[in-house]
Amino acid sequence: MMQEDASIWRSFCEGDEGSFRDLYSKYYSYLFVWGCKWLDGESAFVKDCLHDFFIYLWEKKGNLSREVHVPRYLLTSFKRRVIEQWGKERRLTNIADLIDVSEEADREVEMFDARYALIQSALQSLTPSQREVIELRFIHHMSLQEIATLKNASLRTVYNLTHRAIAQLRATVGKKNIFFLW
């Protein structure tokens, strides 16, 4: 997976739009969840920052280092952008209120990464249909009826796929971590 990320990153830095879309779709949820958790649910602000962040990346693609650990690089860069934007938005006089340079903050990032990796692994263990239904339901916020219409399936089929997927995720990641998905 790391080699795939590195390859996508290099292509993105060279201006490949498909690679940019791949990065966006792969890391948007990861960064969004992290931002909402870090800013205690400021989801609208985090969404705005994320869109600005990806635009910024696209504009600076030619100047970015080609050899990076992609998830860490994106998280660190996004964190800096959030701090900068939060400071402008809230007109903070003391940015240090947001920046916790202690080891506890590093441990929190590591715990977040571990949870995210666990959930990504659990999602990969689902069937393609289950994964699609979970994505449509919880990432794109579609109703079961909308999903059934989109997939040209019965409502009962979509309900069963969703139920089985959630049961499998719950068994894999535990009840506590399943809420981390949303």
N, C-alpha and C. Protein backbone atom coordinates (compact mmCIF):
# COMPACT_ATOMS: atom_id res chain seq x y z
N MET A 1 0.83 -1.19 0.00
CA MET A 1 0.00 0.00 0.00
C MET A 1 0.88 1.25 0.00
N MET A 2 1.99 1.21 0.73
CA MET A 2 2.86 2.38 0.80
C MET A 2 3.47 2.69 -0.56
N GLN A 3 3.85 1.62 -1.31
CA GLN A 3 4.41 1.83 -2.64
C GLN A 3 3.36 2.41 -3.58
N GLU A 4 2.12 1.94 -3.44
CA GLU A 4 1.03 2.47 -4.25
C GLU A 4 0.83 3.95 -3.95
N ASP A 5 0.83 4.31 -2.66
CA ASP A 5 0.69 5.71 -2.27
C ASP A 5 1.84 6.55 -2.84
N ALA A 6 3.06 6.01 -2.75
CA ALA A 6 4.23 6.74 -3.25
C ALA A 6 4.13 6.96 -4.76
N SER A 7 3.65 5.96 -5.46
CA SER A 7 3.49 6.07 -6.92
C SER A 7 2.42 7.10 -7.27
N ILE A 8 1.30 7.04 -6.57
CA ILE A 8 0.22 8.01 -6.80
C ILE A 8 0.72 9.42 -6.49
N TRP A 9 1.47 9.55 -5.39
CA TRP A 9 1.98 10.86 -4.99
C TRP A 9 2.91 11.44 -6.05
N ARG A 10 3.84 10.62 -6.55
CA ARG A 10 4.76 11.11 -7.58
C ARG A 10 4.00 11.53 -8.84
N SER A 11 3.01 10.74 -9.24
CA SER A 11 2.21 11.10 -10.42
C SER A 11 1.45 12.40 -10.18
N PHE A 12 0.91 12.54 -8.97
CA PHE A 12 0.21 13.78 -8.62
C PHE A 12 1.16 14.97 -8.73
N CYS A 13 2.36 14.84 -8.17
CA CYS A 13 3.34 15.94 -8.19
C CYS A 13 3.73 16.32 -9.62
N GLU A 14 3.60 15.37 -10.53
CA GLU A 14 3.92 15.64 -11.93
C GLU A 14 2.72 16.19 -12.70
N GLY A 15 1.57 16.33 -12.00
CA GLY A 15 0.42 16.98 -12.61
C GLY A 15 -0.69 16.06 -13.09
N ASP A 16 -0.65 14.78 -12.74
CA ASP A 16 -1.67 13.85 -13.18
C ASP A 16 -2.96 14.07 -12.40
N GLU A 17 -4.02 14.46 -13.09
CA GLU A 17 -5.31 14.75 -12.45
C GLU A 17 -5.94 13.50 -11.84
N GLY A 18 -5.77 12.36 -12.48
CA GLY A 18 -6.31 11.10 -11.95
C GLY A 18 -5.69 10.77 -10.61
N SER A 19 -4.40 11.00 -10.47
CA SER A 19 -3.72 10.76 -9.20
C SER A 19 -4.21 11.72 -8.13
N PHE A 20 -4.49 12.94 -8.55
CA PHE A 20 -5.04 13.92 -7.60
C PHE A 20 -6.39 13.43 -7.08
N ARG A 21 -7.25 12.96 -8.00
CA ARG A 21 -8.55 12.42 -7.58
C ARG A 21 -8.38 11.21 -6.66
N ASP A 22 -7.40 10.37 -6.96
CA ASP A 22 -7.14 9.20 -6.11
C ASP A 22 -6.74 9.64 -4.70
N LEU A 23 -5.84 10.61 -4.60
CA LEU A 23 -5.43 11.12 -3.28
C LEU A 23 -6.62 11.72 -2.54
N TYR A 24 -7.39 12.51 -3.25
CA TYR A 24 -8.54 13.16 -2.65
C TYR A 24 -9.52 12.12 -2.10
N SER A 25 -9.88 11.15 -2.93
CA SER A 25 -10.87 10.16 -2.48
C SER A 25 -10.33 9.26 -1.39
N LYS A 26 -9.04 8.97 -1.42
CA LYS A 26 -8.46 8.08 -0.41
C LYS A 26 -8.27 8.76 0.94
N TYR A 27 -7.88 10.04 0.93
CA TYR A 27 -7.51 10.70 2.18
C TYR A 27 -8.52 11.72 2.69
N TYR A 28 -9.53 12.04 1.93
CA TYR A 28 -10.51 13.03 2.38
C TYR A 28 -11.15 12.61 3.70
N SER A 29 -11.67 11.40 3.76
CA SER A 29 -12.36 10.94 4.98
C SER A 29 -11.40 10.90 6.16
N TYR A 30 -10.20 10.41 5.93
CA TYR A 30 -9.18 10.32 6.98
C TYR A 30 -8.92 11.70 7.58
N LEU A 31 -8.67 12.67 6.73
CA LEU A 31 -8.38 14.03 7.20
C LEU A 31 -9.61 14.69 7.81
N PHE A 32 -10.77 14.43 7.24
CA PHE A 32 -12.00 15.01 7.77
C PHE A 32 -12.28 14.50 9.18
N VAL A 33 -12.18 13.20 9.38
CA VAL A 33 -12.41 12.62 10.71
C VAL A 33 -11.39 13.17 11.69
N TRP A 34 -10.15 13.22 11.28
CA TRP A 34 -9.11 13.75 12.17
C TRP A 34 -9.40 15.21 12.53
N GLY A 35 -9.74 16.02 11.54
CA GLY A 35 -10.01 17.44 11.79
C GLY A 35 -11.19 17.65 12.72
N CYS A 36 -12.26 16.89 12.50
CA CYS A 36 -13.45 17.02 13.37
C CYS A 36 -13.13 16.58 14.79
N LYS A 37 -12.34 15.55 14.92
CA LYS A 37 -11.96 15.07 16.25
C LYS A 37 -11.07 16.11 16.94
N TRP A 38 -10.14 16.66 16.19
CA TRP A 38 -9.18 17.61 16.76
C TRP A 38 -9.85 18.93 17.12
N LEU A 39 -10.81 19.36 16.31
CA LEU A 39 -11.50 20.63 16.56
C LEU A 39 -12.88 20.42 17.19
N ASP A 40 -13.06 19.27 17.77
CA ASP A 40 -14.26 18.97 18.54
C ASP A 40 -15.54 19.20 17.74
N GLY A 41 -15.59 18.61 16.55
CA GLY A 41 -16.84 18.60 15.78
C GLY A 41 -17.11 19.82 14.91
N GLU A 42 -16.15 20.64 14.66
CA GLU A 42 -16.34 21.81 13.79
C GLU A 42 -16.35 21.36 12.33
N SER A 43 -17.35 20.56 11.95
CA SER A 43 -17.33 19.89 10.65
C SER A 43 -17.38 20.85 9.46
N ALA A 44 -18.17 21.89 9.54
CA ALA A 44 -18.25 22.84 8.42
C ALA A 44 -16.90 23.52 8.19
N PHE A 45 -16.26 23.92 9.28
CA PHE A 45 -14.94 24.55 9.19
C PHE A 45 -13.92 23.57 8.61
N VAL A 46 -13.97 22.32 9.08
CA VAL A 46 -13.02 21.30 8.62
C VAL A 46 -13.22 21.03 7.12
N LYS A 47 -14.48 20.95 6.67
CA LYS A 47 -14.75 20.74 5.24
C LYS A 47 -14.17 21.87 4.40
N ASP A 48 -14.39 23.10 4.85
CA ASP A 48 -13.84 24.24 4.13
C ASP A 48 -12.32 24.17 4.06
N CYS A 49 -11.71 23.85 5.19
CA CYS A 49 -10.25 23.74 5.24
C CYS A 49 -9.75 22.63 4.32
N LEU A 50 -10.47 21.53 4.31
CA LEU A 50 -10.06 20.40 3.46
C LEU A 50 -10.10 20.78 1.99
N HIS A 51 -11.17 21.43 1.57
CA HIS A 51 -11.25 21.83 0.17
C HIS A 51 -10.14 22.82 -0.17
N ASP A 52 -9.90 23.79 0.71
CA ASP A 52 -8.81 24.74 0.50
C ASP A 52 -7.47 24.03 0.48
N PHE A 53 -7.30 23.04 1.35
CA PHE A 53 -6.05 22.29 1.45
C PHE A 53 -5.76 21.54 0.14
N PHE A 54 -6.77 20.87 -0.40
CA PHE A 54 -6.54 20.13 -1.64
C PHE A 54 -6.30 21.07 -2.83
N ILE A 55 -6.95 22.21 -2.83
CA ILE A 55 -6.67 23.21 -3.87
C ILE A 55 -5.23 23.70 -3.74
N TYR A 56 -4.84 23.97 -2.51
CA TYR A 56 -3.46 24.41 -2.23
C TYR A 56 -2.46 23.36 -2.73
N LEU A 57 -2.72 22.07 -2.41
CA LEU A 57 -1.82 21.01 -2.86
C LEU A 57 -1.70 21.00 -4.38
N TRP A 58 -2.84 21.13 -5.06
CA TRP A 58 -2.82 21.10 -6.52
C TRP A 58 -2.00 22.27 -7.07
N GLU A 59 -2.17 23.43 -6.47
CA GLU A 59 -1.44 24.61 -6.93
C GLU A 59 0.06 24.47 -6.69
N LYS A 60 0.46 23.79 -5.62
CA LYS A 60 1.87 23.67 -5.24
C LYS A 60 2.50 22.35 -5.67
N LYS A 61 1.78 21.54 -6.44
CA LYS A 61 2.22 20.18 -6.76
C LYS A 61 3.64 20.11 -7.33
N GLY A 62 4.01 21.06 -8.12
CA GLY A 62 5.34 21.05 -8.73
C GLY A 62 6.47 21.30 -7.75
N ASN A 63 6.16 21.93 -6.63
CA ASN A 63 7.19 22.27 -5.64
C ASN A 63 7.27 21.28 -4.48
N LEU A 64 6.39 20.28 -4.48
CA LEU A 64 6.34 19.34 -3.36
C LEU A 64 7.41 18.27 -3.50
N SER A 65 7.89 17.80 -2.36
CA SER A 65 8.87 16.71 -2.34
C SER A 65 8.24 15.45 -2.89
N ARG A 66 8.99 14.73 -3.69
CA ARG A 66 8.46 13.50 -4.31
C ARG A 66 8.54 12.30 -3.38
N GLU A 67 9.46 12.31 -2.45
CA GLU A 67 9.68 11.17 -1.55
C GLU A 67 9.18 11.51 -0.15
N VAL A 68 7.93 11.19 0.12
CA VAL A 68 7.32 11.46 1.42
C VAL A 68 6.53 10.24 1.87
N HIS A 69 6.27 10.17 3.16
CA HIS A 69 5.32 9.19 3.71
C HIS A 69 3.97 9.89 3.58
N VAL A 70 3.20 9.48 2.59
CA VAL A 70 2.02 10.24 2.15
C VAL A 70 1.03 10.52 3.28
N PRO A 71 0.57 9.51 4.06
CA PRO A 71 -0.42 9.84 5.11
C PRO A 71 0.12 10.83 6.14
N ARG A 72 1.37 10.64 6.56
CA ARG A 72 1.96 11.56 7.54
C ARG A 72 2.12 12.97 6.97
N TYR A 73 2.59 13.03 5.72
CA TYR A 73 2.78 14.32 5.08
C TYR A 73 1.46 15.08 4.97
N LEU A 74 0.43 14.38 4.50
CA LEU A 74 -0.87 15.03 4.35
C LEU A 74 -1.44 15.47 5.69
N LEU A 75 -1.33 14.60 6.70
CA LEU A 75 -1.85 14.95 8.02
C LEU A 75 -1.11 16.15 8.61
N THR A 76 0.20 16.14 8.52
CA THR A 76 0.99 17.25 9.06
C THR A 76 0.69 18.55 8.31
N SER A 77 0.64 18.47 6.99
CA SER A 77 0.35 19.67 6.19
C SER A 77 -1.05 20.19 6.46
N PHE A 78 -2.00 19.26 6.55
CA PHE A 78 -3.38 19.67 6.82
C PHE A 78 -3.48 20.30 8.20
N LYS A 79 -2.79 19.73 9.17
CA LYS A 79 -2.81 20.27 10.54
C LYS A 79 -2.30 21.71 10.53
N ARG A 80 -1.24 21.97 9.79
CA ARG A 80 -0.70 23.33 9.70
C ARG A 80 -1.72 24.28 9.07
N ARG A 81 -2.38 23.82 8.01
CA ARG A 81 -3.39 24.66 7.35
C ARG A 81 -4.56 24.95 8.28
N VAL A 82 -4.99 23.93 9.02
CA VAL A 82 -6.10 24.12 9.96
C VAL A 82 -5.71 25.16 11.02
N ILE A 83 -4.52 25.03 11.55
CA ILE A 83 -4.06 25.99 12.57
C ILE A 83 -4.03 27.40 11.99
N GLU A 84 -3.51 27.51 10.79
CA GLU A 84 -3.44 28.82 10.13
C GLU A 84 -4.84 29.40 9.90
N GLN A 85 -5.74 28.58 9.35
CA GLN A 85 -7.09 29.05 9.07
C GLN A 85 -7.88 29.32 10.34
N TRP A 86 -7.69 28.48 11.35
CA TRP A 86 -8.39 28.67 12.62
C TRP A 86 -7.95 29.99 13.25
N GLY A 87 -6.66 30.26 13.15
CA GLY A 87 -6.14 31.52 13.68
C GLY A 87 -6.75 32.72 12.98
N LYS A 88 -6.88 32.62 11.67
CA LYS A 88 -7.48 33.73 10.91
C LYS A 88 -8.97 33.85 11.24
N GLU A 89 -9.64 32.71 11.30
CA GLU A 89 -11.09 32.69 11.55
C GLU A 89 -11.42 33.21 12.95
N ARG A 90 -10.70 32.74 13.90
CA ARG A 90 -11.00 33.08 15.29
C ARG A 90 -10.18 34.24 15.82
N ARG A 91 -9.27 34.73 14.96
CA ARG A 91 -8.40 35.84 15.33
C ARG A 91 -7.73 35.57 16.69
N LEU A 92 -7.14 34.41 16.76
CA LEU A 92 -6.47 34.04 18.00
C LEU A 92 -5.22 34.87 18.18
N THR A 93 -5.01 35.34 19.36
CA THR A 93 -3.78 36.06 19.64
C THR A 93 -2.70 35.08 20.07
N ASN A 94 -3.13 33.94 20.58
CA ASN A 94 -2.17 32.96 21.02
C ASN A 94 -2.42 31.64 20.30
N ILE A 95 -1.75 31.44 19.17
CA ILE A 95 -1.91 30.21 18.40
C ILE A 95 -1.49 29.01 19.23
N ALA A 96 -0.68 29.22 20.21
CA ALA A 96 -0.23 28.10 21.06
C ALA A 96 -1.41 27.42 21.75
N ASP A 97 -2.55 28.10 21.84
CA ASP A 97 -3.73 27.45 22.41
C ASP A 97 -4.11 26.22 21.61
N LEU A 98 -3.88 26.26 20.30
CA LEU A 98 -4.21 25.12 19.45
C LEU A 98 -3.08 24.11 19.34
N ILE A 99 -1.86 24.57 19.43
CA ILE A 99 -0.72 23.70 19.20
C ILE A 99 -0.25 23.09 20.51
N ASP A 100 -0.44 21.83 20.61
CA ASP A 100 0.04 21.11 21.78
C ASP A 100 1.24 20.30 21.35
N VAL A 101 2.43 20.76 21.72
CA VAL A 101 3.66 20.13 21.27
C VAL A 101 4.11 19.02 22.20
N SER A 102 3.30 18.66 23.13
CA SER A 102 3.67 17.63 24.09
C SER A 102 3.66 16.26 23.45
N GLU A 103 4.23 15.32 24.15
CA GLU A 103 4.23 13.93 23.69
C GLU A 103 2.81 13.38 23.63
N GLU A 104 1.93 13.91 24.44
CA GLU A 104 0.55 13.45 24.44
C GLU A 104 -0.10 13.68 23.07
N ALA A 105 0.19 14.80 22.45
CA ALA A 105 -0.37 15.08 21.12
C ALA A 105 0.16 14.08 20.10
N ASP A 106 1.44 13.75 20.20
CA ASP A 106 2.00 12.75 19.28
C ASP A 106 1.36 11.39 19.49
N ARG A 107 1.13 11.02 20.75
CA ARG A 107 0.47 9.75 21.04
C ARG A 107 -0.95 9.74 20.50
N GLU A 108 -1.62 10.87 20.59
CA GLU A 108 -2.99 10.97 20.08
C GLU A 108 -3.02 10.76 18.57
N VAL A 109 -2.05 11.34 17.86
CA VAL A 109 -1.97 11.15 16.41
C VAL A 109 -1.69 9.68 16.09
N GLU A 110 -0.80 9.06 16.85
CA GLU A 110 -0.50 7.65 16.63
C GLU A 110 -1.72 6.78 16.90
N MET A 111 -2.46 7.08 17.96
CA MET A 111 -3.68 6.33 18.25
C MET A 111 -4.71 6.52 17.14
N PHE A 112 -4.84 7.73 16.66
CA PHE A 112 -5.76 8.01 15.56
C PHE A 112 -5.35 7.21 14.33
N ASP A 113 -4.05 7.22 14.01
CA ASP A 113 -3.56 6.47 12.86
C ASP A 113 -3.85 4.98 13.01
N ALA A 114 -3.64 4.45 14.21
CA ALA A 114 -3.88 3.03 14.45
C ALA A 114 -5.37 2.69 14.29
N ARG A 115 -6.22 3.53 14.84
CA ARG A 115 -7.67 3.31 14.70
C ARG A 115 -8.09 3.39 13.24
N TYR A 116 -7.58 4.39 12.56
CA TYR A 116 -7.93 4.57 11.16
C TYR A 116 -7.47 3.36 10.34
N ALA A 117 -6.25 2.87 10.60
CA ALA A 117 -5.74 1.70 9.88
C ALA A 117 -6.60 0.47 10.18
N LEU A 118 -7.02 0.31 11.43
CA LEU A 118 -7.88 -0.81 11.81
C LEU A 118 -9.20 -0.75 11.04
N ILE A 119 -9.78 0.42 10.96
CA ILE A 119 -11.06 0.58 10.27
C ILE A 119 -10.88 0.40 8.77
N GLN A 120 -9.80 0.94 8.21
CA GLN A 120 -9.55 0.74 6.77
C GLN A 120 -9.41 -0.75 6.47
N SER A 121 -8.71 -1.47 7.32
CA SER A 121 -8.54 -2.91 7.14
C SER A 121 -9.89 -3.62 7.23
N ALA A 122 -10.70 -3.24 8.21
CA ALA A 122 -12.02 -3.84 8.38
C ALA A 122 -12.90 -3.55 7.16
N LEU A 123 -12.83 -2.35 6.63
CA LEU A 123 -13.62 -2.00 5.44
C LEU A 123 -13.17 -2.82 4.23
N GLN A 124 -11.87 -3.07 4.15
CA GLN A 124 -11.36 -3.86 3.03
C GLN A 124 -11.81 -5.32 3.11
N SER A 125 -12.14 -5.78 4.33
CA SER A 125 -12.58 -7.16 4.49
C SER A 125 -14.04 -7.36 4.08
N LEU A 126 -14.77 -6.27 3.89
CA LEU A 126 -16.16 -6.37 3.44
C LEU A 126 -16.20 -6.75 1.96
N THR A 127 -17.34 -7.30 1.55
CA THR A 127 -17.51 -7.56 0.13
C THR A 127 -17.63 -6.22 -0.60
N PRO A 128 -17.36 -6.19 -1.88
CA PRO A 128 -17.48 -4.91 -2.61
C PRO A 128 -18.87 -4.29 -2.48
N SER A 129 -19.92 -5.11 -2.51
CA SER A 129 -21.28 -4.58 -2.37
C SER A 129 -21.50 -3.98 -0.99
N GLN A 130 -21.02 -4.67 0.05
CA GLN A 130 -21.16 -4.15 1.41
C GLN A 130 -20.40 -2.84 1.57
N ARG A 131 -19.18 -2.80 1.05
CA ARG A 131 -18.35 -1.60 1.15
C ARG A 131 -19.03 -0.43 0.43
N GLU A 132 -19.60 -0.69 -0.73
CA GLU A 132 -20.28 0.35 -1.49
C GLU A 132 -21.48 0.89 -0.72
N VAL A 133 -22.27 0.00 -0.14
CA VAL A 133 -23.46 0.42 0.61
C VAL A 133 -23.05 1.23 1.83
N ILE A 134 -22.01 0.80 2.54
CA ILE A 134 -21.54 1.55 3.72
C ILE A 134 -21.06 2.94 3.30
N GLU A 135 -20.32 3.01 2.22
CA GLU A 135 -19.83 4.31 1.74
C GLU A 135 -20.99 5.23 1.36
N LEU A 136 -21.93 4.69 0.61
CA LEU A 136 -23.07 5.51 0.19
C LEU A 136 -23.90 5.96 1.39
N ARG A 137 -24.08 5.06 2.34
CA ARG A 137 -24.93 5.35 3.50
C ARG A 137 -24.28 6.34 4.46
N PHE A 138 -23.02 6.11 4.79
CA PHE A 138 -22.42 6.87 5.88
C PHE A 138 -21.43 7.95 5.45
N ILE A 139 -20.92 7.86 4.24
CA ILE A 139 -20.03 8.92 3.78
C ILE A 139 -20.80 9.91 2.91
N HIS A 140 -21.67 9.36 2.04
CA HIS A 140 -22.46 10.23 1.16
C HIS A 140 -23.84 10.53 1.73
N HIS A 141 -24.15 9.98 2.89
CA HIS A 141 -25.38 10.25 3.63
C HIS A 141 -26.65 10.01 2.80
N MET A 142 -26.64 8.92 2.06
CA MET A 142 -27.82 8.57 1.27
C MET A 142 -28.75 7.70 2.10
N SER A 143 -30.03 7.80 1.86
CA SER A 143 -30.99 6.95 2.55
C SER A 143 -30.94 5.55 1.94
N LEU A 144 -31.49 4.58 2.65
CA LEU A 144 -31.53 3.21 2.14
C LEU A 144 -32.32 3.16 0.83
N GLN A 145 -33.39 3.93 0.75
CA GLN A 145 -34.20 3.96 -0.48
C GLN A 145 -33.40 4.54 -1.64
N GLU A 146 -32.66 5.60 -1.39
CA GLU A 146 -31.83 6.19 -2.44
C GLU A 146 -30.78 5.21 -2.94
N ILE A 147 -30.18 4.47 -2.00
CA ILE A 147 -29.17 3.47 -2.37
C ILE A 147 -29.81 2.37 -3.21
N ALA A 148 -30.99 1.91 -2.78
CA ALA A 148 -31.69 0.87 -3.53
C ALA A 148 -31.98 1.33 -4.96
N THR A 149 -32.42 2.56 -5.11
CA THR A 149 -32.70 3.10 -6.43
C THR A 149 -31.42 3.19 -7.26
N LEU A 150 -30.35 3.69 -6.66
CA LEU A 150 -29.07 3.84 -7.36
C LEU A 150 -28.52 2.49 -7.80
N LYS A 151 -28.60 1.50 -6.92
CA LYS A 151 -28.06 0.17 -7.22
C LYS A 151 -29.05 -0.70 -8.00
N ASN A 152 -30.23 -0.18 -8.22
CA ASN A 152 -31.27 -0.94 -8.90
C ASN A 152 -31.51 -2.27 -8.16
N ALA A 153 -31.66 -2.16 -6.84
CA ALA A 153 -31.87 -3.33 -5.98
C ALA A 153 -33.08 -3.06 -5.10
N SER A 154 -33.55 -4.11 -4.46
CA SER A 154 -34.69 -3.93 -3.55
C SER A 154 -34.22 -3.29 -2.25
N LEU A 155 -35.14 -2.65 -1.59
CA LEU A 155 -34.85 -2.02 -0.30
C LEU A 155 -34.38 -3.08 0.70
N ARG A 156 -34.98 -4.25 0.68
CA ARG A 156 -34.62 -5.35 1.58
C ARG A 156 -33.17 -5.78 1.35
N THR A 157 -32.76 -5.85 0.09
CA THR A 157 -31.38 -6.23 -0.25
C THR A 157 -30.40 -5.22 0.33
N VAL A 158 -30.69 -3.95 0.15
CA VAL A 158 -29.82 -2.89 0.67
C VAL A 158 -29.79 -2.93 2.19
N TYR A 159 -30.93 -3.13 2.79
CA TYR A 159 -30.99 -3.23 4.25
C TYR A 159 -30.13 -4.40 4.73
N ASN A 160 -30.26 -5.56 4.10
CA ASN A 160 -29.49 -6.74 4.50
C ASN A 160 -27.99 -6.53 4.32
N LEU A 161 -27.60 -5.93 3.20
CA LEU A 161 -26.18 -5.63 2.97
C LEU A 161 -25.64 -4.70 4.07
N THR A 162 -26.40 -3.67 4.37
CA THR A 162 -25.99 -2.72 5.40
C THR A 162 -25.88 -3.39 6.76
N HIS A 163 -26.88 -4.16 7.10
CA HIS A 163 -26.90 -4.84 8.40
C HIS A 163 -25.72 -5.81 8.53
N ARG A 164 -25.47 -6.61 7.51
CA ARG A 164 -24.35 -7.56 7.55
C ARG A 164 -23.01 -6.84 7.63
N ALA A 165 -22.88 -5.76 6.88
CA ALA A 165 -21.63 -5.00 6.88
C ALA A 165 -21.37 -4.39 8.26
N ILE A 166 -22.39 -3.81 8.86
CA ILE A 166 -22.21 -3.21 10.19
C ILE A 166 -21.90 -4.29 11.21
N ALA A 167 -22.57 -5.42 11.13
CA ALA A 167 -22.31 -6.52 12.06
C ALA A 167 -20.86 -7.00 11.92
N GLN A 168 -20.38 -7.12 10.69
CA GLN A 168 -19.01 -7.56 10.47
C GLN A 168 -18.01 -6.51 10.96
N LEU A 169 -18.29 -5.24 10.70
CA LEU A 169 -17.41 -4.17 11.17
C LEU A 169 -17.37 -4.14 12.70
N ARG A 170 -18.54 -4.27 13.31
CA ARG A 170 -18.63 -4.27 14.76
C ARG A 170 -17.81 -5.42 15.35
N ALA A 171 -17.89 -6.59 14.73
CA ALA A 171 -17.14 -7.75 15.21
C ALA A 171 -15.63 -7.55 15.02
N THR A 172 -15.25 -6.89 13.94
CA THR A 172 -13.83 -6.69 13.64
C THR A 172 -13.20 -5.59 14.47
N VAL A 173 -13.86 -4.44 14.55
CA VAL A 173 -13.24 -3.29 15.22
C VAL A 173 -13.77 -3.03 16.62
N GLY A 174 -14.86 -3.67 16.99
CA GLY A 174 -15.44 -3.46 18.31
C GLY A 174 -16.47 -2.35 18.30
N LYS A 175 -17.35 -2.39 19.28
CA LYS A 175 -18.42 -1.40 19.35
C LYS A 175 -17.88 0.01 19.54
N LYS A 176 -16.84 0.14 20.33
CA LYS A 176 -16.29 1.47 20.63
C LYS A 176 -15.71 2.14 19.38
N ASN A 177 -15.00 1.38 18.57
CA ASN A 177 -14.33 1.95 17.41
C ASN A 177 -15.24 2.11 16.20
N ILE A 178 -16.37 1.44 16.19
CA ILE A 178 -17.24 1.53 15.01
C ILE A 178 -17.78 2.95 14.82
N PHE A 179 -17.94 3.68 15.89
CA PHE A 179 -18.43 5.06 15.77
C PHE A 179 -17.38 5.97 15.20
N PHE A 180 -16.15 5.52 15.17
CA PHE A 180 -15.05 6.27 14.59
C PHE A 180 -15.26 6.44 13.08
N LEU A 181 -16.05 5.54 12.48
CA LEU A 181 -16.36 5.62 11.05
C LEU A 181 -17.13 6.89 10.72
N TRP A 182 -17.98 7.31 11.64
CA TRP A 182 -18.87 8.43 11.34
C TRP A 182 -18.48 9.60 12.15
